[in-house]
Amino acid sequence: MSHVVTEEGVAYLYQAGSLEERRDALAAVAKATPIGTRITPRQAERLRRAGLVAYPADLGVDPTLADRSLLAARSIEDLVTWSQGLYRPARPVPGTGRDSGRRTGQAARRATVRPAWYR
């Protein structure tokens, strides 16, 4: 995984120099979750200055004006189509003809999103 995008910001995991730095970047954009509480604001700011994390203001987005119109994808169906089969949601997506259902075990592992070169 190269990036993680949340409502809080973007973590550029591919730029991290260590596993710990990857975890910290993830925590910095996971704010109000158990993972997000493991990092201090000072640590998050260090990651921001280092370019490992970007927040909405860094990307020119005013959070008070942000709504769905700013998203490239308007629906899960868009993500399924654009990923050309790499993204397979656990539940069927209307209009795609896919009845993927709930996956467990081997099927769940196969459903993991992977880049095309991985296969």
N, C-alpha and C. Protein backbone atom coordinates (compact mmCIF):
# COMPACT_ATOMS: atom_id res chain seq x y z
N MET A 1 0.85 -1.16 0.00
CA MET A 1 0.00 0.00 0.00
C MET A 1 0.90 1.23 0.00
N SER A 2 0.60 2.17 -0.86
CA SER A 2 1.46 3.34 -0.97
C SER A 2 0.89 4.57 -0.27
N HIS A 3 -0.44 4.70 -0.22
CA HIS A 3 -1.09 5.85 0.39
C HIS A 3 -2.27 5.37 1.23
N VAL A 4 -2.61 6.16 2.23
CA VAL A 4 -3.86 5.97 2.96
C VAL A 4 -4.54 7.32 2.98
N VAL A 5 -5.78 7.35 2.51
CA VAL A 5 -6.55 8.59 2.47
C VAL A 5 -7.71 8.46 3.44
N THR A 6 -7.81 9.41 4.37
CA THR A 6 -8.92 9.45 5.32
C THR A 6 -9.56 10.82 5.26
N GLU A 7 -10.61 11.01 6.05
CA GLU A 7 -11.24 12.33 6.14
C GLU A 7 -10.26 13.35 6.73
N GLU A 8 -9.28 12.88 7.47
CA GLU A 8 -8.33 13.75 8.15
C GLU A 8 -7.16 14.18 7.27
N GLY A 9 -6.78 13.33 6.30
CA GLY A 9 -5.64 13.67 5.46
C GLY A 9 -5.11 12.47 4.70
N VAL A 10 -3.91 12.62 4.16
CA VAL A 10 -3.27 11.59 3.35
C VAL A 10 -1.95 11.20 4.01
N ALA A 11 -1.72 9.90 4.17
CA ALA A 11 -0.43 9.40 4.65
C ALA A 11 0.29 8.81 3.45
N TYR A 12 1.48 9.32 3.17
CA TYR A 12 2.30 8.84 2.05
C TYR A 12 3.23 7.75 2.56
N LEU A 13 2.70 6.55 2.69
CA LEU A 13 3.44 5.45 3.32
C LEU A 13 4.69 5.06 2.55
N TYR A 14 4.67 5.20 1.24
CA TYR A 14 5.81 4.80 0.43
C TYR A 14 7.05 5.66 0.71
N GLN A 15 6.86 6.81 1.32
CA GLN A 15 7.99 7.69 1.61
C GLN A 15 8.61 7.42 2.98
N ALA A 16 7.96 6.58 3.77
CA ALA A 16 8.46 6.30 5.11
C ALA A 16 9.76 5.52 5.05
N GLY A 17 10.65 5.82 5.97
CA GLY A 17 11.94 5.16 6.00
C GLY A 17 11.97 3.91 6.85
N SER A 18 10.91 3.68 7.62
CA SER A 18 10.87 2.51 8.50
C SER A 18 9.42 2.12 8.76
N LEU A 19 9.25 0.94 9.30
CA LEU A 19 7.91 0.46 9.66
C LEU A 19 7.29 1.38 10.71
N GLU A 20 8.09 1.80 11.67
CA GLU A 20 7.59 2.70 12.72
C GLU A 20 7.11 4.03 12.13
N GLU A 21 7.84 4.55 11.17
CA GLU A 21 7.44 5.80 10.53
C GLU A 21 6.14 5.61 9.73
N ARG A 22 5.96 4.45 9.13
CA ARG A 22 4.71 4.14 8.43
C ARG A 22 3.55 4.12 9.41
N ARG A 23 3.76 3.48 10.56
CA ARG A 23 2.72 3.42 11.59
C ARG A 23 2.37 4.82 12.08
N ASP A 24 3.39 5.64 12.30
CA ASP A 24 3.15 7.01 12.76
C ASP A 24 2.38 7.82 11.72
N ALA A 25 2.71 7.67 10.45
CA ALA A 25 2.00 8.39 9.40
C ALA A 25 0.54 7.97 9.36
N LEU A 26 0.30 6.67 9.49
CA LEU A 26 -1.08 6.18 9.53
C LEU A 26 -1.81 6.76 10.74
N ALA A 27 -1.16 6.76 11.88
CA ALA A 27 -1.78 7.32 13.09
C ALA A 27 -2.10 8.80 12.92
N ALA A 28 -1.26 9.52 12.21
CA ALA A 28 -1.47 10.96 12.02
C ALA A 28 -2.73 11.27 11.24
N VAL A 29 -3.19 10.36 10.39
CA VAL A 29 -4.43 10.60 9.63
C VAL A 29 -5.59 9.76 10.16
N ALA A 30 -5.38 9.09 11.29
CA ALA A 30 -6.43 8.28 11.90
C ALA A 30 -6.94 8.93 13.18
N LYS A 31 -6.68 10.18 13.34
CA LYS A 31 -6.96 11.01 14.52
C LYS A 31 -7.84 10.40 15.61
N ALA A 32 -9.15 10.39 15.43
CA ALA A 32 -10.08 10.01 16.50
C ALA A 32 -10.34 8.51 16.55
N THR A 33 -9.31 7.73 16.40
CA THR A 33 -9.42 6.27 16.49
C THR A 33 -8.36 5.78 17.47
N PRO A 34 -8.45 4.54 17.91
CA PRO A 34 -7.41 4.03 18.81
C PRO A 34 -6.01 4.13 18.19
N ILE A 35 -5.90 3.93 16.89
CA ILE A 35 -4.59 4.06 16.23
C ILE A 35 -4.13 5.51 16.27
N GLY A 36 -5.04 6.42 16.04
CA GLY A 36 -4.69 7.84 16.01
C GLY A 36 -4.25 8.40 17.33
N THR A 37 -4.66 7.78 18.42
CA THR A 37 -4.29 8.31 19.74
C THR A 37 -2.86 7.95 20.14
N ARG A 38 -2.18 7.14 19.34
CA ARG A 38 -0.81 6.73 19.70
C ARG A 38 0.25 7.75 19.27
N ILE A 39 -0.17 8.84 18.64
CA ILE A 39 0.78 9.84 18.17
C ILE A 39 0.43 11.20 18.76
N THR A 40 1.45 11.98 19.08
CA THR A 40 1.23 13.32 19.64
C THR A 40 1.11 14.34 18.51
N PRO A 41 0.50 15.47 18.79
CA PRO A 41 0.43 16.52 17.77
C PRO A 41 1.82 16.94 17.29
N ARG A 42 2.79 16.93 18.18
CA ARG A 42 4.16 17.30 17.81
C ARG A 42 4.74 16.29 16.80
N GLN A 43 4.49 14.99 17.03
CA GLN A 43 4.96 13.97 16.10
C GLN A 43 4.26 14.12 14.75
N ALA A 44 2.96 14.39 14.78
CA ALA A 44 2.19 14.56 13.54
C ALA A 44 2.73 15.75 12.75
N GLU A 45 3.07 16.82 13.43
CA GLU A 45 3.61 18.00 12.75
C GLU A 45 4.97 17.69 12.12
N ARG A 46 5.78 16.90 12.80
CA ARG A 46 7.08 16.50 12.25
C ARG A 46 6.88 15.72 10.95
N LEU A 47 5.90 14.80 10.94
CA LEU A 47 5.59 14.02 9.73
C LEU A 47 5.08 14.92 8.62
N ARG A 48 4.30 15.91 9.00
CA ARG A 48 3.77 16.86 8.02
C ARG A 48 4.91 17.65 7.37
N ARG A 49 5.82 18.15 8.17
CA ARG A 49 6.96 18.91 7.64
C ARG A 49 7.86 18.03 6.77
N ALA A 50 7.94 16.74 7.11
CA ALA A 50 8.77 15.81 6.35
C ALA A 50 8.09 15.35 5.06
N GLY A 51 6.82 15.72 4.86
CA GLY A 51 6.11 15.34 3.64
C GLY A 51 5.52 13.94 3.68
N LEU A 52 5.45 13.33 4.86
CA LEU A 52 4.87 11.99 4.99
C LEU A 52 3.37 12.04 5.19
N VAL A 53 2.87 13.22 5.58
CA VAL A 53 1.45 13.41 5.86
C VAL A 53 1.02 14.75 5.28
N ALA A 54 -0.16 14.79 4.71
CA ALA A 54 -0.74 16.05 4.23
C ALA A 54 -2.17 16.14 4.75
N TYR A 55 -2.51 17.31 5.24
CA TYR A 55 -3.87 17.56 5.73
C TYR A 55 -4.62 18.39 4.70
N PRO A 56 -5.95 18.49 4.84
CA PRO A 56 -6.73 19.22 3.82
C PRO A 56 -6.17 20.59 3.48
N ALA A 57 -5.77 21.36 4.48
CA ALA A 57 -5.24 22.70 4.20
C ALA A 57 -3.98 22.64 3.35
N ASP A 58 -3.18 21.58 3.54
CA ASP A 58 -1.96 21.42 2.74
C ASP A 58 -2.29 21.16 1.28
N LEU A 59 -3.46 20.61 1.05
CA LEU A 59 -3.90 20.25 -0.31
C LEU A 59 -4.81 21.30 -0.92
N GLY A 60 -4.96 22.43 -0.23
CA GLY A 60 -5.79 23.51 -0.75
C GLY A 60 -7.28 23.26 -0.58
N VAL A 61 -7.65 22.42 0.38
CA VAL A 61 -9.06 22.11 0.63
C VAL A 61 -9.47 22.76 1.95
N ASP A 62 -10.51 23.56 1.90
CA ASP A 62 -11.06 24.16 3.11
C ASP A 62 -12.05 23.15 3.69
N PRO A 63 -11.74 22.55 4.85
CA PRO A 63 -12.62 21.52 5.40
C PRO A 63 -14.04 21.98 5.65
N THR A 64 -14.24 23.28 5.88
CA THR A 64 -15.60 23.77 6.12
C THR A 64 -16.43 23.80 4.84
N LEU A 65 -15.75 23.78 3.68
CA LEU A 65 -16.47 23.80 2.41
C LEU A 65 -16.48 22.44 1.71
N ALA A 66 -15.76 21.48 2.27
CA ALA A 66 -15.63 20.16 1.64
C ALA A 66 -16.94 19.39 1.70
N ASP A 67 -17.30 18.81 0.57
CA ASP A 67 -18.44 17.90 0.51
C ASP A 67 -18.14 16.88 -0.59
N ARG A 68 -19.09 16.03 -0.89
CA ARG A 68 -18.88 14.95 -1.86
C ARG A 68 -18.54 15.45 -3.27
N SER A 69 -18.88 16.69 -3.57
CA SER A 69 -18.60 17.20 -4.92
C SER A 69 -17.09 17.30 -5.19
N LEU A 70 -16.26 17.31 -4.15
CA LEU A 70 -14.82 17.39 -4.33
C LEU A 70 -14.18 16.02 -4.61
N LEU A 71 -14.94 14.96 -4.42
CA LEU A 71 -14.41 13.62 -4.63
C LEU A 71 -14.39 13.26 -6.10
N ALA A 72 -13.35 12.57 -6.52
CA ALA A 72 -13.29 12.09 -7.90
C ALA A 72 -14.32 10.99 -8.11
N ALA A 73 -14.42 10.07 -7.16
CA ALA A 73 -15.39 8.99 -7.25
C ALA A 73 -16.68 9.43 -6.56
N ARG A 74 -17.77 9.24 -7.22
CA ARG A 74 -19.06 9.61 -6.65
C ARG A 74 -19.74 8.43 -5.95
N SER A 75 -19.20 7.23 -6.16
CA SER A 75 -19.83 6.05 -5.58
C SER A 75 -18.83 4.90 -5.51
N ILE A 76 -19.20 3.87 -4.77
CA ILE A 76 -18.38 2.65 -4.72
C ILE A 76 -18.35 2.02 -6.11
N GLU A 77 -19.43 2.12 -6.84
CA GLU A 77 -19.48 1.59 -8.20
C GLU A 77 -18.40 2.23 -9.08
N ASP A 78 -18.18 3.55 -8.91
CA ASP A 78 -17.10 4.22 -9.65
C ASP A 78 -15.75 3.59 -9.32
N LEU A 79 -15.51 3.31 -8.04
CA LEU A 79 -14.23 2.72 -7.63
C LEU A 79 -14.04 1.33 -8.23
N VAL A 80 -15.12 0.55 -8.25
CA VAL A 80 -15.06 -0.79 -8.83
C VAL A 80 -14.71 -0.69 -10.31
N THR A 81 -15.37 0.20 -11.01
CA THR A 81 -15.15 0.36 -12.45
C THR A 81 -13.73 0.86 -12.73
N TRP A 82 -13.30 1.90 -12.04
CA TRP A 82 -12.00 2.50 -12.29
C TRP A 82 -10.84 1.57 -11.94
N SER A 83 -11.06 0.68 -10.95
CA SER A 83 -9.96 -0.21 -10.54
C SER A 83 -9.82 -1.40 -11.49
N GLN A 84 -10.72 -1.54 -12.44
CA GLN A 84 -10.70 -2.63 -13.41
C GLN A 84 -10.61 -3.99 -12.72
N GLY A 85 -11.40 -4.14 -11.66
CA GLY A 85 -11.48 -5.42 -10.98
C GLY A 85 -10.55 -5.59 -9.79
N LEU A 86 -9.63 -4.65 -9.56
CA LEU A 86 -8.74 -4.78 -8.40
C LEU A 86 -9.49 -4.57 -7.09
N TYR A 87 -10.44 -3.65 -7.08
CA TYR A 87 -11.23 -3.39 -5.88
C TYR A 87 -12.51 -4.19 -5.96
N ARG A 88 -12.72 -5.04 -4.98
CA ARG A 88 -13.93 -5.87 -4.92
C ARG A 88 -14.57 -5.71 -3.56
N PRO A 89 -15.61 -4.89 -3.45
CA PRO A 89 -16.26 -4.69 -2.15
C PRO A 89 -16.89 -5.99 -1.65
N ALA A 90 -17.05 -6.08 -0.34
CA ALA A 90 -17.60 -7.29 0.26
C ALA A 90 -19.07 -7.50 -0.10
N ARG A 91 -19.79 -6.43 -0.33
CA ARG A 91 -21.21 -6.55 -0.69
C ARG A 91 -21.40 -6.23 -2.16
N PRO A 92 -22.46 -6.77 -2.76
CA PRO A 92 -22.72 -6.46 -4.17
C PRO A 92 -22.89 -4.96 -4.40
N VAL A 93 -22.42 -4.49 -5.52
CA VAL A 93 -22.57 -3.09 -5.89
C VAL A 93 -23.64 -3.01 -6.97
N PRO A 94 -24.72 -2.27 -6.71
CA PRO A 94 -25.78 -2.17 -7.70
C PRO A 94 -25.26 -1.69 -9.04
N GLY A 95 -25.73 -2.29 -10.10
CA GLY A 95 -25.38 -1.85 -11.44
C GLY A 95 -24.11 -2.47 -12.00
N THR A 96 -23.37 -3.27 -11.19
CA THR A 96 -22.13 -3.85 -11.69
C THR A 96 -22.31 -5.30 -12.12
N GLY A 97 -23.45 -5.89 -11.76
CA GLY A 97 -23.67 -7.29 -12.10
C GLY A 97 -22.85 -8.24 -11.25
N ARG A 98 -22.22 -7.71 -10.22
CA ARG A 98 -21.37 -8.54 -9.35
C ARG A 98 -22.15 -8.93 -8.11
N ASP A 99 -22.27 -10.21 -7.85
CA ASP A 99 -22.89 -10.68 -6.63
C ASP A 99 -21.79 -11.29 -5.78
N SER A 100 -20.93 -10.41 -5.24
CA SER A 100 -19.74 -10.90 -4.55
C SER A 100 -20.04 -11.50 -3.19
N GLY A 101 -21.10 -11.03 -2.53
CA GLY A 101 -21.45 -11.59 -1.24
C GLY A 101 -20.35 -11.42 -0.20
N ARG A 102 -20.53 -12.06 0.92
CA ARG A 102 -19.55 -11.99 2.01
C ARG A 102 -18.47 -13.02 1.78
N ARG A 103 -17.22 -12.62 1.93
CA ARG A 103 -16.11 -13.54 1.68
C ARG A 103 -15.45 -13.93 2.99
N THR A 104 -15.01 -15.18 3.06
CA THR A 104 -14.27 -15.66 4.22
C THR A 104 -13.11 -16.50 3.75
N GLY A 105 -12.16 -16.72 4.62
CA GLY A 105 -11.05 -17.63 4.34
C GLY A 105 -10.30 -17.29 3.06
N GLN A 106 -10.09 -18.30 2.22
CA GLN A 106 -9.32 -18.15 0.97
C GLN A 106 -9.95 -17.09 0.05
N ALA A 107 -11.27 -17.07 -0.03
CA ALA A 107 -11.94 -16.10 -0.89
C ALA A 107 -11.65 -14.67 -0.42
N ALA A 108 -11.61 -14.45 0.87
CA ALA A 108 -11.32 -13.12 1.40
C ALA A 108 -9.89 -12.72 1.05
N ARG A 109 -8.95 -13.64 1.13
CA ARG A 109 -7.57 -13.33 0.79
C ARG A 109 -7.44 -13.00 -0.69
N ARG A 110 -8.17 -13.71 -1.55
CA ARG A 110 -8.12 -13.42 -2.98
C ARG A 110 -8.74 -12.07 -3.28
N ALA A 111 -9.68 -11.62 -2.44
CA ALA A 111 -10.38 -10.36 -2.68
C ALA A 111 -9.55 -9.15 -2.26
N THR A 112 -8.42 -9.38 -1.64
CA THR A 112 -7.56 -8.28 -1.22
C THR A 112 -7.15 -7.45 -2.44
N VAL A 113 -7.23 -6.15 -2.29
CA VAL A 113 -6.87 -5.27 -3.39
C VAL A 113 -5.35 -5.31 -3.56
N ARG A 114 -4.91 -5.65 -4.76
CA ARG A 114 -3.48 -5.72 -5.08
C ARG A 114 -3.25 -5.06 -6.42
N PRO A 115 -2.08 -4.47 -6.59
CA PRO A 115 -1.78 -3.89 -7.91
C PRO A 115 -1.71 -4.99 -8.97
N ALA A 116 -1.94 -4.62 -10.21
CA ALA A 116 -1.96 -5.59 -11.30
C ALA A 116 -0.65 -6.36 -11.42
N TRP A 117 0.49 -5.71 -11.14
CA TRP A 117 1.77 -6.38 -11.28
C TRP A 117 1.98 -7.46 -10.23
N TYR A 118 1.19 -7.45 -9.15
CA TYR A 118 1.34 -8.41 -8.05
C TYR A 118 0.90 -9.80 -8.45
N ARG A 119 -0.05 -9.91 -9.37
CA ARG A 119 -0.65 -11.20 -9.73
C ARG A 119 0.21 -12.03 -10.59
